Amino acid sequence: MVGEREQKIAMKTAIIIPARYGSTRFPGKPLTMIGGQTMLSRVVDVARKAAKDINQVTIAVATEDERILKHAEELGVSAVMTSDSCATGSDRVLEAIEKIAPDTDFVLGLQGDAPFTPSSALVQMTEAAQSNPTIGVVTPVINLRWSELDKLREQKNMTPFSGTTAIIDTHGKALWFSKNILPAIRKENRAEEFSPVHQHIGLYGYRVATLKKFVSLPQGHYEKLEGLEQLRLLENGIDIQTVKLDVPVGLAQAGIDSPEDVTRAEKMLAEGAA
């Protein structure tokens, strides 16, 4: 499989894992244990698995904390200290790239709190960018089954700002993202397996030039309201291409935004769903 992809994915690519210790809602989140492994360890495993199918790839953790830097070294992965003043994960990714791999063409920002990200997502995103040079930003979405949509609705009753949905056009370009569940559905046709709702996975692939432009822009109005950095791109007319992931039932709800999500993740592991 690697041999087949090597010619296709020839960009100089980096997988940067922004892992911030000082989260307001969940301090020390990347070092949290999930199923006997730290969250960061699981994310590094995802990056390493994806790297087998991506040619010319650099993997590194970007952090603002010595404890995470030390743990990355224990995991045998490169790590770089970045500023504590980085406003977003994308700012941290750019700072890391400029320090350790300035000749990178395409960079994937794999969040340090996304331990169940399918490694295939990174490969799909890289392939999309490789096959279409007009793509400046790419991100994955999951078309929710009705049962998963019901779980997302239940989850939002407890933690309203966990889980992001995306509206996409017929070509897969993102029209909007929201912490609300979009679209509103007047009539639910549950005879079909999948709902009209797509959940966004907080993973971004950037051409480095596009990332630099993004970071140079001021925060957008709706970005501030929703707390979603990708809205800055849309507010400034920068297209975001999506790729649809085919994942097992339940994986869409596997993001870690709060201590309650760790309990849910542990349950998923125990049930063999992740």
C-alpha atoms as a PDB file:
ATOM      1  CA  MET A   1       0.000   0.000   0.000  1.00  0.00           C
ATOM      2  CA  VAL A   2       2.839   2.402   0.805  1.00  0.00           C
ATOM      3  CA  GLY A   3       4.411   1.755  -2.581  1.00  0.00           C
ATOM      4  CA  GLU A   4       1.176   2.635  -4.365  1.00  0.00           C
ATOM      5  CA  ARG A   5       0.852   5.923  -2.470  1.00  0.00           C
ATOM      6  CA  GLU A   6       4.465   7.111  -2.571  1.00  0.00           C
ATOM      7  CA  GLN A   7       4.169   8.486  -6.093  1.00  0.00           C
ATOM      8  CA  LYS A   8       0.791  10.024  -5.393  1.00  0.00           C
ATOM      9  CA  ILE A   9       1.650  11.788  -2.118  1.00  0.00           C
ATOM     10  CA  ALA A  10       4.969  13.470  -2.878  1.00  0.00           C
ATOM     11  CA  MET A  11       4.543  16.792  -1.046  1.00  0.00           C
ATOM     12  CA  LYS A  12       6.796  17.586   1.850  1.00  0.00           C
ATOM     13  CA  THR A  13       4.281  16.996   4.610  1.00  0.00           C
ATOM     14  CA  ALA A  14       4.325  17.483   8.374  1.00  0.00           C
ATOM     15  CA  ILE A  15       2.009  16.185  11.074  1.00  0.00           C
ATOM     16  CA  ILE A  16       2.153  18.647  13.945  1.00  0.00           C
ATOM     17  CA  ILE A  17       0.388  17.743  17.193  1.00  0.00           C
ATOM     18  CA  PRO A  18      -0.493  20.896  19.160  1.00  0.00           C
ATOM     19  CA  ALA A  19      -0.746  19.743  22.780  1.00  0.00           C
ATOM     20  CA  ARG A  20      -1.459  22.511  25.252  1.00  0.00           C
ATOM     21  CA  TYR A  21      -1.229  21.821  28.971  1.00  0.00           C
ATOM     22  CA  GLY A  22      -2.944  24.990  30.184  1.00  0.00           C
ATOM     23  CA  SER A  23      -6.482  24.348  28.973  1.00  0.00           C
ATOM     24  CA  THR A  24      -8.996  26.462  30.915  1.00  0.00           C
ATOM     25  CA  ARG A  25     -11.680  23.770  30.951  1.00  0.00           C
ATOM     26  CA  PHE A  26      -9.393  20.752  31.290  1.00  0.00           C
ATOM     27  CA  PRO A  27      -5.817  21.482  32.470  1.00  0.00           C
ATOM     28  CA  GLY A  28      -3.266  18.805  31.597  1.00  0.00           C
ATOM     29  CA  LYS A  29      -5.629  17.182  29.120  1.00  0.00           C
ATOM     30  CA  PRO A  30      -2.947  15.655  26.793  1.00  0.00           C
ATOM     31  CA  LEU A  31      -1.449  13.774  29.771  1.00  0.00           C
ATOM     32  CA  THR A  32      -4.791  12.319  30.888  1.00  0.00           C
ATOM     33  CA  MET A  33      -4.843   8.523  30.989  1.00  0.00           C
ATOM     34  CA  ILE A  34      -7.333   6.728  28.760  1.00  0.00           C
ATOM     35  CA  GLY A  35      -7.336   2.955  28.802  1.00  0.00           C
ATOM     36  CA  GLY A  36      -3.819   2.715  30.216  1.00  0.00           C
ATOM     37  CA  GLN A  37      -2.258   5.213  27.762  1.00  0.00           C
ATOM     38  CA  THR A  38      -1.932   8.954  27.893  1.00  0.00           C
ATOM     39  CA  MET A  39      -4.074  10.843  25.448  1.00  0.00           C
ATOM     40  CA  LEU A  40      -0.939  12.214  23.763  1.00  0.00           C
ATOM     41  CA  SER A  41       0.493   8.719  23.385  1.00  0.00           C
ATOM     42  CA  ARG A  42      -2.656   7.634  21.547  1.00  0.00           C
ATOM     43  CA  VAL A  43      -2.493  10.664  19.246  1.00  0.00           C
ATOM     44  CA  VAL A  44       1.169  10.007  18.445  1.00  0.00           C
ATOM     45  CA  ASP A  45       0.220   6.433  17.539  1.00  0.00           C
ATOM     46  CA  VAL A  46      -2.388   7.809  15.095  1.00  0.00           C
ATOM     47  CA  ALA A  47       0.249  10.039  13.459  1.00  0.00           C
ATOM     48  CA  ARG A  48       2.767   7.222  13.167  1.00  0.00           C
ATOM     49  CA  LYS A  49       0.221   4.897  11.587  1.00  0.00           C
ATOM     50  CA  ALA A  50      -0.778   7.550   9.043  1.00  0.00           C
ATOM     51  CA  ALA A  51       2.858   8.314   8.255  1.00  0.00           C
ATOM     52  CA  LYS A  52       3.279   4.812   6.822  1.00  0.00           C
ATOM     53  CA  ASP A  53       1.078   5.917   3.902  1.00  0.00           C
ATOM     54  CA  ILE A  54       2.405   9.463   3.467  1.00  0.00           C
ATOM     55  CA  ASN A  55       5.755  10.072   1.812  1.00  0.00           C
ATOM     56  CA  GLN A  56       8.217  12.721   3.069  1.00  0.00           C
ATOM     57  CA  VAL A  57       6.509  13.286   6.414  1.00  0.00           C
ATOM     58  CA  THR A  58       7.753  14.894   9.649  1.00  0.00           C
ATOM     59  CA  ILE A  59       5.967  14.256  12.979  1.00  0.00           C
ATOM     60  CA  ALA A  60       6.339  16.595  15.949  1.00  0.00           C
ATOM     61  CA  VAL A  61       4.497  17.665  19.108  1.00  0.00           C
ATOM     62  CA  ALA A  62       4.094  21.427  19.652  1.00  0.00           C
ATOM     63  CA  THR A  63       3.523  22.507  23.247  1.00  0.00           C
ATOM     64  CA  GLU A  64       3.942  25.357  25.712  1.00  0.00           C
ATOM     65  CA  ASP A  65       4.717  23.168  28.714  1.00  0.00           C
ATOM     66  CA  GLU A  66       7.847  21.318  29.838  1.00  0.00           C
ATOM     67  CA  ARG A  67       5.783  18.385  31.186  1.00  0.00           C
ATOM     68  CA  ILE A  68       4.346  17.650  27.766  1.00  0.00           C
ATOM     69  CA  LEU A  69       7.753  18.187  26.144  1.00  0.00           C
ATOM     70  CA  LYS A  70       9.274  15.628  28.501  1.00  0.00           C
ATOM     71  CA  HIS A  71       6.479  13.130  27.850  1.00  0.00           C
ATOM     72  CA  ALA A  72       6.923  13.515  24.080  1.00  0.00           C
ATOM     73  CA  GLU A  73      10.594  12.692  24.521  1.00  0.00           C
ATOM     74  CA  GLU A  74       9.591   9.584  26.499  1.00  0.00           C
ATOM     75  CA  LEU A  75       7.380   8.576  23.587  1.00  0.00           C
ATOM     76  CA  GLY A  76      10.301   8.976  21.188  1.00  0.00           C
ATOM     77  CA  VAL A  77       8.662  11.705  19.117  1.00  0.00           C
ATOM     78  CA  SER A  78      10.141  15.079  18.202  1.00  0.00           C
ATOM     79  CA  ALA A  79       8.795  18.017  20.195  1.00  0.00           C
ATOM     80  CA  VAL A  80       9.152  21.783  20.053  1.00  0.00           C
ATOM     81  CA  MET A  81       8.378  24.479  22.590  1.00  0.00           C
ATOM     82  CA  THR A  82       6.026  27.135  21.285  1.00  0.00           C
ATOM     83  CA  SER A  83       4.747  30.372  22.746  1.00  0.00           C
ATOM     84  CA  ASP A  84       2.171  30.333  25.517  1.00  0.00           C
ATOM     85  CA  SER A  85       0.481  33.214  23.705  1.00  0.00           C
ATOM     86  CA  CYS A  86      -0.615  31.178  20.651  1.00  0.00           C
ATOM     87  CA  ALA A  87      -4.282  32.055  20.165  1.00  0.00           C
ATOM     88  CA  THR A  88      -5.253  28.824  18.399  1.00  0.00           C
ATOM     89  CA  GLY A  89      -3.926  25.390  17.616  1.00  0.00           C
ATOM     90  CA  SER A  90      -3.246  26.593  14.079  1.00  0.00           C
ATOM     91  CA  ASP A  91      -1.010  29.412  15.396  1.00  0.00           C
ATOM     92  CA  ARG A  92       0.927  26.793  17.357  1.00  0.00           C
ATOM     93  CA  VAL A  93       1.215  24.560  14.277  1.00  0.00           C
ATOM     94  CA  LEU A  94       2.637  27.420  12.196  1.00  0.00           C
ATOM     95  CA  GLU A  95       5.158  28.384  14.884  1.00  0.00           C
ATOM     96  CA  ALA A  96       6.324  24.768  15.100  1.00  0.00           C
ATOM     97  CA  ILE A  97       6.671  24.446  11.314  1.00  0.00           C
ATOM     98  CA  GLU A  98       8.698  27.640  11.072  1.00  0.00           C
ATOM     99  CA  LYS A  99      11.069  26.318  13.749  1.00  0.00           C
ATOM    100  CA  ILE A 100      11.618  22.723  12.641  1.00  0.00           C
ATOM    101  CA  ALA A 101      10.493  22.259   9.019  1.00  0.00           C
ATOM    102  CA  PRO A 102      10.247  25.590   7.151  1.00  0.00           C
ATOM    103  CA  ASP A 103      10.357  23.902   3.723  1.00  0.00           C
ATOM    104  CA  THR A 104       7.097  22.003   4.385  1.00  0.00           C
ATOM    105  CA  ASP A 105       4.470  22.170   1.616  1.00  0.00           C
ATOM    106  CA  PHE A 106       1.458  20.805   3.486  1.00  0.00           C
ATOM    107  CA  VAL A 107       0.876  20.527   7.219  1.00  0.00           C
ATOM    108  CA  LEU A 108      -1.667  18.513   9.171  1.00  0.00           C
ATOM    109  CA  GLY A 109      -2.611  19.835  12.607  1.00  0.00           C
ATOM    110  CA  LEU A 110      -3.572  16.735  14.604  1.00  0.00           C
ATOM    111  CA  GLN A 111      -5.054  17.889  17.896  1.00  0.00           C
ATOM    112  CA  GLY A 112      -3.444  16.431  21.012  1.00  0.00           C
ATOM    113  CA  ASP A 113      -6.908  15.790  22.480  1.00  0.00           C
ATOM    114  CA  ALA A 114      -8.208  13.670  19.587  1.00  0.00           C
ATOM    115  CA  PRO A 115      -6.975  10.160  20.460  1.00  0.00           C
ATOM    116  CA  PHE A 116      -9.517   8.298  18.337  1.00  0.00           C
ATOM    117  CA  THR A 117      -8.921  10.141  15.075  1.00  0.00           C
ATOM    118  CA  PRO A 118      -8.794   7.539  12.277  1.00  0.00           C
ATOM    119  CA  SER A 119      -5.312   7.522  10.741  1.00  0.00           C
ATOM    120  CA  SER A 120      -7.058   7.180   7.374  1.00  0.00           C
ATOM    121  CA  ALA A 121      -8.350  10.748   7.832  1.00  0.00           C
ATOM    122  CA  LEU A 122      -4.819  12.129   7.636  1.00  0.00           C
ATOM    123  CA  VAL A 123      -4.132  10.097   4.520  1.00  0.00           C
ATOM    124  CA  GLN A 124      -7.403  11.150   2.836  1.00  0.00           C
ATOM    125  CA  MET A 125      -6.701  14.804   3.580  1.00  0.00           C
ATOM    126  CA  THR A 126      -3.190  14.593   2.161  1.00  0.00           C
ATOM    127  CA  GLU A 127      -4.434  12.806  -0.941  1.00  0.00           C
ATOM    128  CA  ALA A 128      -7.090  15.486  -1.474  1.00  0.00           C
ATOM    129  CA  ALA A 129      -4.480  18.252  -1.333  1.00  0.00           C
ATOM    130  CA  GLN A 130      -2.100  16.315  -3.553  1.00  0.00           C
ATOM    131  CA  SER A 131      -4.733  15.672  -6.216  1.00  0.00           C
ATOM    132  CA  ASN A 132      -6.058  19.258  -6.307  1.00  0.00           C
ATOM    133  CA  PRO A 133      -3.514  22.084  -5.969  1.00  0.00           C
ATOM    134  CA  THR A 134      -6.318  24.657  -5.591  1.00  0.00           C
ATOM    135  CA  ILE A 135      -7.210  23.237  -2.162  1.00  0.00           C
ATOM    136  CA  GLY A 136      -5.709  25.464   0.518  1.00  0.00           C
ATOM    137  CA  VAL A 137      -7.457  23.931   3.541  1.00  0.00           C
ATOM    138  CA  VAL A 138      -8.987  20.510   4.049  1.00  0.00           C
ATOM    139  CA  THR A 139     -10.823  19.035   7.045  1.00  0.00           C
ATOM    140  CA  PRO A 140     -12.807  15.829   7.728  1.00  0.00           C
ATOM    141  CA  VAL A 141     -16.488  15.364   8.492  1.00  0.00           C
ATOM    142  CA  ILE A 142     -18.631  12.375   9.438  1.00  0.00           C
ATOM    143  CA  ASN A 143     -22.167  11.906   8.160  1.00  0.00           C
ATOM    144  CA  LEU A 144     -24.070  10.985  11.321  1.00  0.00           C
ATOM    145  CA  ARG A 145     -26.374   8.021  11.494  1.00  0.00           C
ATOM    146  CA  TRP A 146     -29.678   8.799  13.209  1.00  0.00           C
ATOM    147  CA  SER A 147     -28.559   6.958  16.343  1.00  0.00           C
ATOM    148  CA  GLU A 148     -25.398   9.079  16.455  1.00  0.00           C
ATOM    149  CA  LEU A 149     -27.386  12.270  15.952  1.00  0.00           C
ATOM    150  CA  ASP A 150     -29.603  11.288  18.884  1.00  0.00           C
ATOM    151  CA  LYS A 151     -26.485  10.808  21.035  1.00  0.00           C
ATOM    152  CA  LEU A 152     -25.114  14.183  19.947  1.00  0.00           C
ATOM    153  CA  ARG A 153     -28.387  15.819  20.966  1.00  0.00           C
ATOM    154  CA  GLU A 154     -28.225  14.120  24.373  1.00  0.00           C
ATOM    155  CA  GLN A 155     -24.582  15.135  24.772  1.00  0.00           C
ATOM    156  CA  LYS A 156     -25.413  18.778  24.078  1.00  0.00           C
ATOM    157  CA  ASN A 157     -27.967  18.776  26.875  1.00  0.00           C
ATOM    158  CA  MET A 158     -25.036  18.226  29.277  1.00  0.00           C
ATOM    159  CA  THR A 159     -22.178  20.000  27.438  1.00  0.00           C
ATOM    160  CA  PRO A 160     -23.714  22.421  24.882  1.00  0.00           C
ATOM    161  CA  PHE A 161     -20.382  23.493  23.380  1.00  0.00           C
ATOM    162  CA  SER A 162     -18.981  20.038  22.698  1.00  0.00           C
ATOM    163  CA  GLY A 163     -19.423  18.721  19.180  1.00  0.00           C
ATOM    164  CA  THR A 164     -19.387  20.830  16.005  1.00  0.00           C
ATOM    165  CA  THR A 165     -21.518  20.348  12.907  1.00  0.00           C
ATOM    166  CA  ALA A 166     -20.796  21.373   9.328  1.00  0.00           C
ATOM    167  CA  ILE A 167     -22.911  22.372   6.361  1.00  0.00           C
ATOM    168  CA  ILE A 168     -21.322  21.366   3.036  1.00  0.00           C
ATOM    169  CA  ASP A 169     -22.170  21.959  -0.614  1.00  0.00           C
ATOM    170  CA  THR A 170     -22.474  19.400  -3.411  1.00  0.00           C
ATOM    171  CA  HIS A 171     -18.722  19.578  -4.071  1.00  0.00           C
ATOM    172  CA  GLY A 172     -17.787  19.007  -0.449  1.00  0.00           C
ATOM    173  CA  LYS A 173     -16.847  22.607   0.289  1.00  0.00           C
ATOM    174  CA  ALA A 174     -17.825  23.817   3.740  1.00  0.00           C
ATOM    175  CA  LEU A 175     -20.547  26.456   3.841  1.00  0.00           C
ATOM    176  CA  TRP A 176     -20.615  26.848   7.640  1.00  0.00           C
ATOM    177  CA  PHE A 177     -19.685  25.302  10.986  1.00  0.00           C
ATOM    178  CA  SER A 178     -21.550  25.664  14.265  1.00  0.00           C
ATOM    179  CA  LYS A 179     -21.755  24.451  17.825  1.00  0.00           C
ATOM    180  CA  ASN A 180     -25.473  24.232  17.149  1.00  0.00           C
ATOM    181  CA  ILE A 181     -26.733  21.172  15.297  1.00  0.00           C
ATOM    182  CA  LEU A 182     -27.183  22.178  11.656  1.00  0.00           C
ATOM    183  CA  PRO A 183     -29.293  21.866   9.634  1.00  0.00           C
ATOM    184  CA  ALA A 184     -32.557  22.079  11.548  1.00  0.00           C
ATOM    185  CA  ILE A 185     -34.744  19.208  10.326  1.00  0.00           C
ATOM    186  CA  ARG A 186     -38.473  19.738   9.942  1.00  0.00           C
ATOM    187  CA  LYS A 187     -39.265  16.159   8.916  1.00  0.00           C
ATOM    188  CA  GLU A 188     -36.954  13.315   9.925  1.00  0.00           C
ATOM    189  CA  ASN A 189     -36.846  10.480   7.412  1.00  0.00           C
ATOM    190  CA  ARG A 190     -35.563   7.681   9.603  1.00  0.00           C
ATOM    191  CA  ALA A 191     -36.172   5.100   6.907  1.00  0.00           C
ATOM    192  CA  GLU A 192     -32.680   6.050   5.723  1.00  0.00           C
ATOM    193  CA  GLU A 193     -29.619   5.051   7.787  1.00  0.00           C
ATOM    194  CA  PHE A 194     -27.923   8.435   7.683  1.00  0.00           C
ATOM    195  CA  SER A 195     -29.247  11.785   8.864  1.00  0.00           C
ATOM    196  CA  PRO A 196     -28.607  15.078   6.989  1.00  0.00           C
ATOM    197  CA  VAL A 197     -26.176  16.155   9.736  1.00  0.00           C
ATOM    198  CA  HIS A 198     -22.382  16.109   9.348  1.00  0.00           C
ATOM    199  CA  GLN A 199     -20.211  16.314  12.441  1.00  0.00           C
ATOM    200  CA  HIS A 200     -16.901  18.103  12.043  1.00  0.00           C
ATOM    201  CA  ILE A 201     -13.677  16.506  13.243  1.00  0.00           C
ATOM    202  CA  GLY A 202     -11.307  19.226  14.470  1.00  0.00           C
ATOM    203  CA  LEU A 203      -8.413  18.307  12.220  1.00  0.00           C
ATOM    204  CA  TYR A 204      -7.005  20.636   9.566  1.00  0.00           C
ATOM    205  CA  GLY A 205      -4.630  20.274   6.672  1.00  0.00           C
ATOM    206  CA  TYR A 206      -3.149  23.486   5.282  1.00  0.00           C
ATOM    207  CA  ARG A 207      -0.942  24.542   2.436  1.00  0.00           C
ATOM    208  CA  VAL A 208       1.630  26.437   4.448  1.00  0.00           C
ATOM    209  CA  ALA A 209       0.950  29.655   2.500  1.00  0.00           C
ATOM    210  CA  THR A 210      -2.744  29.427   3.409  1.00  0.00           C
ATOM    211  CA  LEU A 211      -1.916  28.766   7.051  1.00  0.00           C
ATOM    212  CA  LYS A 212       0.271  31.876   7.135  1.00  0.00           C
ATOM    213  CA  LYS A 213      -2.567  33.938   5.656  1.00  0.00           C
ATOM    214  CA  PHE A 214      -5.037  32.520   8.181  1.00  0.00           C
ATOM    215  CA  VAL A 215      -2.822  33.355  11.148  1.00  0.00           C
ATOM    216  CA  SER A 216      -2.263  36.908   9.851  1.00  0.00           C
ATOM    217  CA  LEU A 217      -6.006  37.650   9.767  1.00  0.00           C
ATOM    218  CA  PRO A 218      -7.817  39.193  12.761  1.00  0.00           C
ATOM    219  CA  GLN A 219     -10.352  37.065  14.598  1.00  0.00           C
ATOM    220  CA  GLY A 220     -13.689  36.988  12.830  1.00  0.00           C
ATOM    221  CA  HIS A 221     -16.997  38.129  14.296  1.00  0.00           C
ATOM    222  CA  TYR A 222     -18.603  34.689  14.135  1.00  0.00           C
ATOM    223  CA  GLU A 223     -15.351  32.989  15.113  1.00  0.00           C
ATOM    224  CA  LYS A 224     -15.546  34.851  18.427  1.00  0.00           C
ATOM    225  CA  LEU A 225     -19.235  34.076  18.935  1.00  0.00           C
ATOM    226  CA  GLU A 226     -18.980  30.358  18.190  1.00  0.00           C
ATOM    227  CA  GLY A 227     -15.434  29.807  19.431  1.00  0.00           C
ATOM    228  CA  LEU A 228     -14.544  28.120  16.136  1.00  0.00           C
ATOM    229  CA  GLU A 229     -11.311  29.242  14.496  1.00  0.00           C
ATOM    230  CA  GLN A 230     -12.240  27.811  11.061  1.00  0.00           C
ATOM    231  CA  LEU A 231     -14.985  30.421  10.711  1.00  0.00           C
ATOM    232  CA  ARG A 232     -12.244  33.037  10.272  1.00  0.00           C
ATOM    233  CA  LEU A 233     -11.408  31.375   6.961  1.00  0.00           C
ATOM    234  CA  LEU A 234     -15.004  31.393   5.715  1.00  0.00           C
ATOM    235  CA  GLU A 235     -15.565  34.947   6.898  1.00  0.00           C
ATOM    236  CA  ASN A 236     -12.611  35.973   4.722  1.00  0.00           C
ATOM    237  CA  GLY A 237     -13.674  34.043   1.623  1.00  0.00           C
ATOM    238  CA  ILE A 238     -11.142  31.210   1.977  1.00  0.00           C
ATOM    239  CA  ASP A 239     -12.594  27.870   0.891  1.00  0.00           C
ATOM    240  CA  ILE A 240     -12.421  24.829   3.161  1.00  0.00           C
ATOM    241  CA  GLN A 241     -12.635  21.463   1.403  1.00  0.00           C
ATOM    242  CA  THR A 242     -14.079  18.576   3.414  1.00  0.00           C
ATOM    243  CA  VAL A 243     -13.436  14.861   3.125  1.00  0.00           C
ATOM    244  CA  LYS A 244     -16.024  12.388   4.383  1.00  0.00           C
ATOM    245  CA  LEU A 245     -14.826   9.662   6.709  1.00  0.00           C
ATOM    246  CA  ASP A 246     -16.349   6.203   6.850  1.00  0.00           C
ATOM    247  CA  VAL A 247     -16.082   5.268  10.527  1.00  0.00           C
ATOM    248  CA  PRO A 248     -17.719   2.777  12.905  1.00  0.00           C
ATOM    249  CA  VAL A 249     -20.867   3.732  14.789  1.00  0.00           C
ATOM    250  CA  GLY A 250     -20.094   5.965  17.766  1.00  0.00           C
ATOM    251  CA  LEU A 251     -16.663   7.219  16.722  1.00  0.00           C
ATOM    252  CA  ALA A 252     -18.032  10.673  15.910  1.00  0.00           C
ATOM    253  CA  GLN A 253     -18.675  11.203  19.631  1.00  0.00           C
ATOM    254  CA  ALA A 254     -15.118  10.278  20.613  1.00  0.00           C
ATOM    255  CA  GLY A 255     -13.620  13.767  20.980  1.00  0.00           C
ATOM    256  CA  ILE A 256     -12.256  14.777  24.403  1.00  0.00           C
ATOM    257  CA  ASP A 257     -13.399  18.260  25.419  1.00  0.00           C
ATOM    258  CA  SER A 258     -14.102  17.711  29.129  1.00  0.00           C
ATOM    259  CA  PRO A 259     -13.449  15.251  31.993  1.00  0.00           C
ATOM    260  CA  GLU A 260     -16.896  13.793  31.262  1.00  0.00           C
ATOM    261  CA  ASP A 261     -15.686  12.883  27.768  1.00  0.00           C
ATOM    262  CA  VAL A 262     -12.883  10.785  29.298  1.00  0.00           C
ATOM    263  CA  THR A 263     -15.481   8.658  31.071  1.00  0.00           C
ATOM    264  CA  ARG A 264     -17.337   8.239  27.787  1.00  0.00           C
ATOM    265  CA  ALA A 265     -14.081   7.306  25.998  1.00  0.00           C
ATOM    266  CA  GLU A 266     -13.202   4.717  28.632  1.00  0.00           C
ATOM    267  CA  LYS A 267     -16.644   3.180  28.135  1.00  0.00           C
ATOM    268  CA  MET A 268     -16.107   3.065  24.369  1.00  0.00           C
ATOM    269  CA  LEU A 269     -12.794   1.288  24.828  1.00  0.00           C
ATOM    270  CA  ALA A 270     -14.349  -1.218  27.210  1.00  0.00           C
ATOM    271  CA  GLU A 271     -17.074  -1.933  24.657  1.00  0.00           C
ATOM    272  CA  GLY A 272     -14.542  -2.235  21.838  1.00  0.00           C
ATOM    273  CA  ALA A 273     -16.019   0.685  19.885  1.00  0.00           C
ATOM    274  CA  ALA A 274     -12.732   2.559  19.529  1.00  0.00           C
END
